[in-house]
Protein backbone atom coordinates (compact mmCIF):
# COMPACT_ATOMS: atom_id res chain seq x y z
CA MET A 1 102.00 123.22 158.30
CA THR A 2 99.23 123.22 155.70
CA ARG A 3 96.39 125.65 156.35
CA ARG A 4 92.85 125.10 155.10
CA LEU A 5 90.84 127.85 153.39
CA LEU A 6 87.11 127.90 152.70
CA SER A 7 86.42 130.38 149.88
CA ILE A 8 82.94 131.67 149.02
CA ALA A 9 82.72 132.75 145.37
CA THR A 10 79.53 133.43 143.42
CA LEU A 11 81.61 133.86 140.26
CA TYR A 12 83.50 130.66 139.51
CA PRO A 13 83.84 128.44 136.45
CA ALA A 14 81.81 125.26 136.00
CA PRO A 15 81.55 122.81 133.09
CA GLN A 16 78.43 124.64 131.84
CA ARG A 17 80.06 128.09 132.09
CA PRO A 18 83.84 127.62 131.83
CA GLY A 19 84.69 131.31 131.39
CA PHE A 20 82.63 132.54 134.35
CA GLY A 21 85.00 133.92 136.98
CA ARG A 22 88.06 132.26 135.47
CA PHE A 23 90.36 134.77 137.18
CA VAL A 24 89.04 133.67 140.58
CA ALA A 25 89.77 130.05 139.69
CA ARG A 26 93.31 130.98 138.65
CA GLN A 27 93.91 132.72 141.97
CA MET A 28 92.63 129.73 143.94
CA ALA A 29 94.62 127.27 141.83
CA ALA A 30 97.82 129.28 142.30
CA LEU A 31 97.31 129.41 146.06
CA ALA A 32 96.61 125.67 146.26
CA ALA A 33 99.64 124.86 144.09
CA ARG A 34 101.98 126.33 146.71
CA GLY A 35 101.32 123.42 149.08
CA ASP A 36 100.94 125.50 152.23
CA TRP A 37 97.22 126.13 151.70
CA ASP A 38 94.53 123.54 151.01
CA VAL A 39 91.66 125.28 149.19
CA THR A 40 87.95 124.44 149.12
CA VAL A 41 85.61 126.66 147.13
CA ILE A 42 81.86 126.91 147.63
CA ASN A 43 80.34 128.45 144.51
CA PRO A 44 76.65 129.17 145.25
CA VAL A 45 74.56 128.94 142.07
CA GLY A 46 71.47 131.15 142.13
CA LEU A 47 68.30 129.75 140.56
CA PRO A 48 64.75 131.09 140.44
CA PRO A 49 61.98 129.10 142.14
CA LEU A 50 60.39 128.28 138.77
CA ASN A 51 61.99 125.67 136.53
CA LEU A 52 62.59 128.00 133.59
CA GLU A 53 64.23 126.64 130.44
CA ARG A 54 66.85 129.38 130.22
CA TYR A 55 68.30 128.23 133.54
CA ALA A 56 68.59 124.58 132.48
CA ALA A 57 72.37 124.82 132.04
CA LEU A 58 72.79 126.19 135.57
CA ARG A 59 70.66 123.40 137.01
CA ALA A 60 72.96 120.91 135.30
CA ILE A 61 76.08 122.19 137.10
CA PRO A 62 77.39 119.28 139.22
CA ALA A 63 77.15 119.50 142.99
CA PHE A 64 80.89 118.81 143.30
CA GLU A 65 83.97 118.71 141.12
CA GLN A 66 87.67 118.44 141.76
CA ASP A 67 89.41 121.21 139.81
CA GLY A 68 93.06 120.23 140.03
CA ASN A 69 94.12 120.89 143.61
CA VAL A 70 90.93 122.79 144.41
CA ALA A 71 87.75 121.12 145.68
CA VAL A 72 84.72 122.97 144.30
CA HIS A 73 81.14 122.67 145.57
CA HIS A 74 78.23 124.18 143.60
CA PRO A 75 75.19 124.26 145.91
CA HIS A 76 72.00 125.93 144.69
CA PHE A 77 70.28 128.85 146.37
CA THR A 78 66.94 130.40 145.47
CA LEU A 79 66.81 133.93 144.09
CA VAL A 80 64.42 136.15 142.17
CA PRO A 81 66.36 137.70 139.28
CA GLY A 82 66.39 141.48 139.50
CA LEU A 83 64.42 141.56 142.74
CA SER A 84 66.19 139.64 145.51
CA GLY A 85 69.54 141.47 145.41
CA ARG A 86 69.24 142.88 148.92
CA PHE A 87 68.38 139.44 150.31
CA ASN A 88 70.90 137.35 148.37
CA PRO A 89 73.58 137.29 151.10
CA ALA A 90 71.07 135.81 153.55
CA LEU A 91 69.77 133.38 150.93
CA ILE A 92 73.30 132.26 150.12
CA ALA A 93 74.27 131.85 153.77
CA ARG A 94 71.17 129.79 154.53
CA ALA A 95 71.86 127.48 151.59
CA VAL A 96 75.61 127.18 152.15
CA LEU A 97 75.93 126.98 155.92
CA PRO A 98 74.90 123.30 156.32
CA LEU A 99 77.51 122.29 153.75
CA ALA A 100 80.15 124.52 155.35
CA ARG A 101 79.41 123.05 158.79
CA ARG A 102 79.72 119.49 157.44
CA LEU A 103 83.01 120.17 155.66
CA HIS A 104 84.40 121.96 158.71
CA ALA A 105 83.41 119.03 160.97
CA GLU A 106 85.13 116.55 158.64
CA THR A 107 88.40 118.49 158.34
CA PRO A 108 88.48 121.88 160.09
CA PHE A 109 89.21 125.04 158.16
CA ASP A 110 91.53 127.77 159.38
CA MET A 111 89.95 130.70 157.56
CA VAL A 112 87.03 131.83 155.40
CA ASP A 113 87.29 134.28 152.54
CA ALA A 114 84.90 135.92 150.07
CA GLN A 115 85.96 136.57 146.50
CA PHE A 116 83.63 139.56 145.97
CA PHE A 117 82.35 142.10 148.42
CA TYR A 118 78.70 141.63 147.50
CA PRO A 119 76.84 139.36 147.86
CA ASP A 120 79.75 137.07 148.82
CA GLY A 121 81.09 139.23 151.68
CA PRO A 122 78.02 139.45 153.93
CA ALA A 123 77.23 135.77 153.24
CA ALA A 124 80.77 134.72 154.12
CA ALA A 125 80.63 136.85 157.28
CA ARG A 126 77.68 134.80 158.54
CA ILE A 127 79.47 131.57 157.72
CA ALA A 128 82.75 132.65 159.34
CA GLN A 129 80.90 133.71 162.47
CA ALA A 130 79.03 130.39 162.64
CA LEU A 131 82.29 128.43 162.27
CA GLY A 132 84.25 130.71 164.59
CA LEU A 133 86.86 131.50 161.94
CA PRO A 134 88.64 134.67 160.75
CA LEU A 135 87.36 136.26 157.56
CA ALA A 136 88.91 138.00 154.54
CA ILE A 137 86.87 139.80 151.87
CA LYS A 138 88.17 140.85 148.47
CA ALA A 139 86.87 143.88 146.54
CA ARG A 140 87.24 143.83 142.76
CA GLY A 141 85.44 146.92 141.43
CA SER A 142 81.76 146.78 140.56
CA ASP A 143 81.00 145.04 143.85
CA ILE A 144 82.08 148.31 145.50
CA HIS A 145 81.03 150.91 142.93
CA TYR A 146 77.64 149.39 142.05
CA TRP A 147 76.42 147.80 145.26
CA GLY A 148 78.01 150.49 147.41
CA LYS A 149 75.43 152.96 146.08
CA ARG A 150 72.54 150.84 147.34
CA PRO A 151 71.78 151.56 151.02
CA SER A 152 70.75 148.04 152.01
CA ALA A 153 73.76 146.46 150.36
CA LEU A 154 76.11 149.12 151.75
CA ARG A 155 74.88 148.48 155.30
CA GLN A 156 75.56 144.78 154.89
CA MET A 157 78.97 145.42 153.31
CA ARG A 158 80.03 147.73 156.15
CA ALA A 159 78.93 145.22 158.76
CA ALA A 160 80.85 142.45 156.98
CA ALA A 161 83.91 144.70 156.73
CA ASP A 162 83.78 145.42 160.46
CA SER A 163 83.72 141.70 161.22
CA ALA A 164 86.55 140.79 158.81
CA ALA A 165 90.18 140.43 159.78
CA VAL A 166 91.41 141.82 156.46
CA LEU A 167 89.92 143.51 153.40
CA LEU A 168 91.65 143.03 150.06
CA SER A 169 91.48 145.45 147.14
CA VAL A 170 92.67 144.93 143.56
CA SER A 171 94.06 148.47 143.41
CA GLY A 172 95.08 151.38 145.59
CA ALA A 173 92.38 153.53 144.01
CA LEU A 174 89.69 151.00 144.94
CA ALA A 175 91.11 150.82 148.46
CA ARG A 176 90.60 154.57 148.81
CA ASP A 177 87.02 154.20 147.58
CA MET A 178 86.41 151.50 150.18
CA ALA A 179 87.70 153.73 152.97
CA ALA A 180 85.53 156.60 151.71
CA MET A 181 82.50 154.30 152.00
CA GLY A 182 83.17 153.86 155.69
CA MET A 183 85.17 150.64 155.67
CA PRO A 184 88.04 150.46 158.20
CA ASP A 185 91.10 151.60 156.25
CA ASP A 186 93.50 149.97 158.73
CA LYS A 187 92.22 146.57 157.52
CA ILE A 188 92.58 147.25 153.78
CA ARG A 189 95.46 145.65 151.87
CA VAL A 190 96.10 146.05 148.14
CA HIS A 191 96.31 142.66 146.43
CA TYR A 192 96.97 142.91 142.69
CA THR A 193 95.56 140.47 140.17
CA GLY A 194 97.70 137.79 138.59
CA LEU A 195 98.52 136.86 135.02
CA ASP A 196 99.42 133.67 133.15
CA HIS A 197 102.59 134.71 131.33
CA ALA A 198 102.72 131.32 129.61
CA ARG A 199 99.55 132.27 127.74
CA PHE A 200 99.78 136.04 127.53
CA HIS A 201 103.14 137.00 126.08
CA PRO A 202 104.19 138.80 122.91
CA LEU A 203 104.02 137.01 119.58
CA PRO A 204 105.34 139.01 116.63
CA ARG A 205 102.40 141.15 115.56
CA ALA A 206 102.49 140.12 111.91
CA ALA A 207 102.57 136.41 112.78
CA ALA A 208 99.78 136.86 115.33
CA ARG A 209 97.69 138.68 112.73
CA GLU A 210 98.10 135.72 110.38
CA LEU A 211 96.94 133.38 113.14
CA ALA A 212 93.93 135.56 113.94
CA THR A 213 92.86 135.99 110.31
CA ALA A 214 93.10 132.22 109.85
CA VAL A 215 90.25 131.73 112.35
CA PRO A 216 87.12 131.82 110.13
CA GLU A 217 84.67 132.90 112.83
CA LEU A 218 86.71 136.03 113.58
CA ASN A 219 86.30 137.30 110.00
CA LEU A 220 89.24 139.68 110.29
CA PRO A 221 91.05 141.19 107.28
CA ALA A 222 94.78 140.60 106.87
CA ASP A 223 95.69 144.25 106.45
CA GLY A 224 94.98 147.55 108.19
CA ARG A 225 95.58 148.56 111.79
CA LEU A 226 93.64 146.65 114.43
CA VAL A 227 92.16 147.95 117.68
CA VAL A 228 90.57 145.42 120.03
CA SER A 229 88.06 146.03 122.82
CA VAL A 230 87.55 143.19 125.32
CA GLY A 231 84.58 143.21 127.69
CA ALA A 232 80.97 142.22 128.16
CA LEU A 233 78.57 144.19 125.98
CA VAL A 234 76.94 146.15 128.77
CA PRO A 235 76.66 149.94 129.08
CA VAL A 236 79.25 150.24 131.85
CA LYS A 237 82.01 148.93 129.55
CA GLY A 238 81.53 151.84 127.14
CA GLN A 239 81.96 150.16 123.75
CA ALA A 240 79.67 152.85 122.32
CA LEU A 241 82.43 155.39 122.96
CA ALA A 242 84.97 153.20 121.18
CA ILE A 243 82.66 152.98 118.17
CA GLY A 244 82.20 156.74 118.30
CA ALA A 245 85.97 157.18 118.26
CA MET A 246 86.18 155.23 115.00
CA ALA A 247 84.52 158.08 113.10
CA ALA A 248 87.54 160.28 113.88
CA LEU A 249 90.21 157.70 113.02
CA PRO A 250 91.68 156.90 109.57
CA SER A 251 89.80 154.46 107.37
CA ASP A 252 92.49 151.78 107.70
CA VAL A 253 91.77 151.35 111.43
CA LEU A 254 89.48 148.43 112.32
CA LEU A 255 87.77 147.93 115.69
CA ALA A 256 87.20 144.32 116.82
CA ILE A 257 84.83 144.04 119.79
CA VAL A 258 85.25 140.88 121.87
CA GLY A 259 82.39 139.93 124.15
CA ALA A 260 78.68 139.27 124.27
CA GLY A 261 75.77 140.93 126.01
CA PRO A 262 72.49 142.81 125.76
CA GLU A 263 73.99 145.92 124.15
CA GLU A 264 75.03 144.24 120.91
CA ARG A 265 72.02 145.33 118.87
CA ALA A 266 72.29 148.94 120.05
CA LEU A 267 76.02 148.97 119.31
CA ARG A 268 75.48 147.62 115.79
CA THR A 269 72.85 150.29 115.21
CA LEU A 270 75.25 152.98 116.41
CA ALA A 271 78.00 151.76 114.07
CA ASP A 272 75.53 151.94 111.16
CA LYS A 273 74.40 155.41 112.16
CA LEU A 274 77.97 156.72 112.35
CA GLY A 275 78.91 155.15 109.03
CA VAL A 276 81.62 152.91 110.48
CA ALA A 277 79.84 149.55 110.38
CA GLU A 278 82.30 148.19 107.82
CA ARG A 279 85.16 148.97 110.21
CA VAL A 280 83.62 147.43 113.34
CA ARG A 281 83.60 143.66 113.87
CA PHE A 282 81.56 141.97 116.60
CA LEU A 283 83.46 138.80 117.45
CA GLY A 284 81.31 137.53 120.32
CA ASN A 285 82.99 135.52 123.03
CA VAL A 286 86.43 134.47 121.81
CA SER A 287 87.86 131.16 122.99
CA HIS A 288 90.44 131.02 125.76
CA GLU A 289 92.95 129.69 123.22
CA THR A 290 92.35 132.38 120.57
CA LEU A 291 92.33 135.49 122.77
CA PRO A 292 96.12 135.78 123.30
CA ALA A 293 96.82 135.65 119.54
CA LEU A 294 94.12 138.25 118.93
CA LEU A 295 95.60 140.58 121.54
CA CYS A 296 99.08 140.13 120.07
CA ALA A 297 97.71 140.91 116.61
CA ALA A 298 96.18 144.20 117.81
CA ASP A 299 97.96 147.54 117.58
CA ALA A 300 96.00 148.81 120.60
CA MET A 301 93.33 147.76 123.08
CA VAL A 302 90.59 150.17 124.16
CA LEU A 303 88.18 149.72 127.07
CA PRO A 304 86.23 152.92 127.94
CA SER A 305 84.69 151.56 131.17
CA GLU A 306 82.64 153.74 133.46
CA ARG A 307 84.13 151.91 136.44
CA GLU A 308 86.72 149.22 137.10
CA GLY A 309 88.86 148.00 139.96
CA LEU A 310 91.83 146.83 137.96
CA ALA A 311 90.66 145.07 134.81
CA ASN A 312 92.25 141.77 133.85
CA ALA A 313 91.80 142.79 130.21
CA TRP A 314 94.21 145.70 130.74
CA ILE A 315 96.94 143.43 132.06
CA GLU A 316 96.42 140.69 129.48
CA ALA A 317 96.69 143.19 126.61
CA LEU A 318 99.88 144.73 127.98
CA ALA A 319 101.44 141.29 128.50
CA CYS A 320 100.85 140.60 124.80
CA GLY A 321 102.71 143.79 123.91
CA THR A 322 99.55 145.75 123.12
CA PRO A 323 99.22 149.27 124.60
CA ILE A 324 95.90 150.27 126.14
CA VAL A 325 93.71 153.37 125.96
CA ILE A 326 91.46 153.66 129.01
CA PRO A 327 89.72 156.32 131.13
CA ASP A 328 90.98 157.39 134.53
CA VAL A 329 88.97 154.79 136.46
CA GLY A 330 89.96 152.45 139.28
CA GLY A 331 93.60 151.47 139.18
CA ALA A 332 94.26 152.92 135.72
CA ARG A 333 97.14 155.09 136.95
CA GLU A 334 98.68 152.09 138.70
CA VAL A 335 98.85 150.25 135.36
CA VAL A 336 99.38 153.00 132.77
CA ASP A 337 102.28 154.60 134.57
CA ASN A 338 104.41 155.33 131.49
CA LEU A 339 103.84 156.06 127.80
CA ALA A 340 104.82 152.56 126.71
CA ALA A 341 101.73 151.19 128.50
CA GLY A 342 99.34 153.46 126.60
CA ARG A 343 97.24 156.49 127.41
CA ILE A 344 94.73 157.53 130.05
CA VAL A 345 92.07 159.70 128.41
CA GLU A 346 88.83 161.46 129.21
CA ARG A 347 85.78 159.27 128.82
CA ASN A 348 84.41 160.63 125.54
CA ALA A 349 84.73 159.58 121.91
CA ALA A 350 86.94 162.50 120.84
CA ALA A 351 89.48 161.94 123.62
CA ILE A 352 89.51 158.19 122.99
CA ALA A 353 90.15 158.79 119.28
CA GLU A 354 93.02 161.13 120.13
CA GLY A 355 94.53 158.61 122.54
CA LEU A 356 94.28 155.79 120.01
CA ALA A 357 95.81 157.95 117.27
CA ASP A 358 98.68 158.81 119.59
CA VAL A 359 99.32 155.17 120.52
CA LEU A 360 99.09 153.99 116.91
CA ALA A 361 101.55 156.66 115.82
CA ALA A 362 103.99 155.85 118.63
CA ALA A 363 104.20 152.17 117.65
CA VAL A 364 106.12 151.21 120.81
CA PRO A 365 107.90 147.84 120.42
CA GLN A 366 105.92 144.96 121.88
CA ALA A 367 108.67 143.98 124.31
CA GLU A 368 108.62 147.44 125.90
CA VAL A 369 104.85 147.30 126.30
CA ALA A 370 104.96 143.76 127.75
CA ALA A 371 107.49 144.88 130.35
CA CYS A 372 104.74 147.05 131.86
CA ALA A 373 102.90 143.87 132.93
CA ALA A 374 105.94 141.96 134.18
CA ARG A 375 105.08 142.54 137.84
CA PHE A 376 101.73 140.79 137.53
CA SER A 377 101.78 136.99 137.85
CA TRP A 378 99.71 134.31 139.54
CA ASP A 379 102.77 133.18 141.51
CA ALA A 380 103.21 136.68 142.92
CA ASN A 381 99.48 136.90 143.56
CA ALA A 382 99.47 133.60 145.46
CA GLU A 383 102.59 134.46 147.45
CA ALA A 384 101.11 137.77 148.61
CA LEU A 385 97.79 136.13 149.48
CA ALA A 386 99.45 133.32 151.42
CA GLU A 387 101.50 135.81 153.43
CA ILE A 388 98.48 137.94 154.29
CA TYR A 389 96.35 134.95 155.27
CA GLU A 390 99.14 133.38 157.33
CA GLU A 391 99.46 136.63 159.30
CA ILE A 392 95.73 136.51 160.06
CA VAL A 393 95.61 132.84 161.06
CA ALA A 394 98.81 133.00 163.12
CA GLY A 395 97.49 136.04 164.95
CA VAL A 396 94.19 134.46 165.96
């Protein structure tokens, strides 16, 4: 029997933003590829009431696209950037519910899920209730740690959790945080992220370095030791601490920062101030095709985040044979559970420098590092999700 899932996901790729929520798309594609679940995604696209030029690309997102085996709808909902956060679940539900009702009437769904706890979770709870269907909500990190500190959002998240049949968490550590926030711990199941091992696997480091240095826009030298940091340039990701660590590392160590965001100017200024600007490269957003080679070329990956659930960047680096240096946040101890995987360090520049120096000196073979990510795959992710969802639907 084929079950039908309606998934609500505010982060999901579209032609105008192909990298936005790619990991959610991979999860949905892997589930749909099994054949026992038919997947429809509703990706609400928030737009301000005024027709501002900087939102033109979002307005151009098609209302519908077929993404392989996954049907994806992109309805618009009205928001006020920076101001309507507490109301966004209601705004999403109001915009999405007519579409959800129509799709359900055409071919009934068996279940509704939400791919983030906020704003997706409370919105999906309203939709599931209206359709009379069981609900699952997935927590990924910032949706718990950021929105959980805001009373209005927390009230809505708790109410959605109470109405859900199951709550998914990307790590055991995040699951404990959810329970501490007042969510019913008997409903929480750990559901680890997946990984595309066909893309992220070890290439010999020297050969990968040649590939990376051959890409002109990366502007990377052919020699010296390479540390990569992958993440949006926002304060919570902590690239400033990685730059600070460079001042305590040997002059042959280069830091390549992958990502874009509002902190770039401040980070460049910091690198200048610390006298390490020549050893810090800002690569911007790196293409989906180039990232694996860059990770394989690196001797280490550092991501000094203030908070995480279980970062995809950690797993992707390990799968490429690149050890990681990260703080003790989220599921860090579930990933860095041996010295081959890297080091867990205090969240300050001195400790990060020490951890990087230790990893660089250890020079663990890539195959040993990659083995630390062997348990993560999209097939395993989809199998676990299908089993959990089948339990819920069969028990209704």
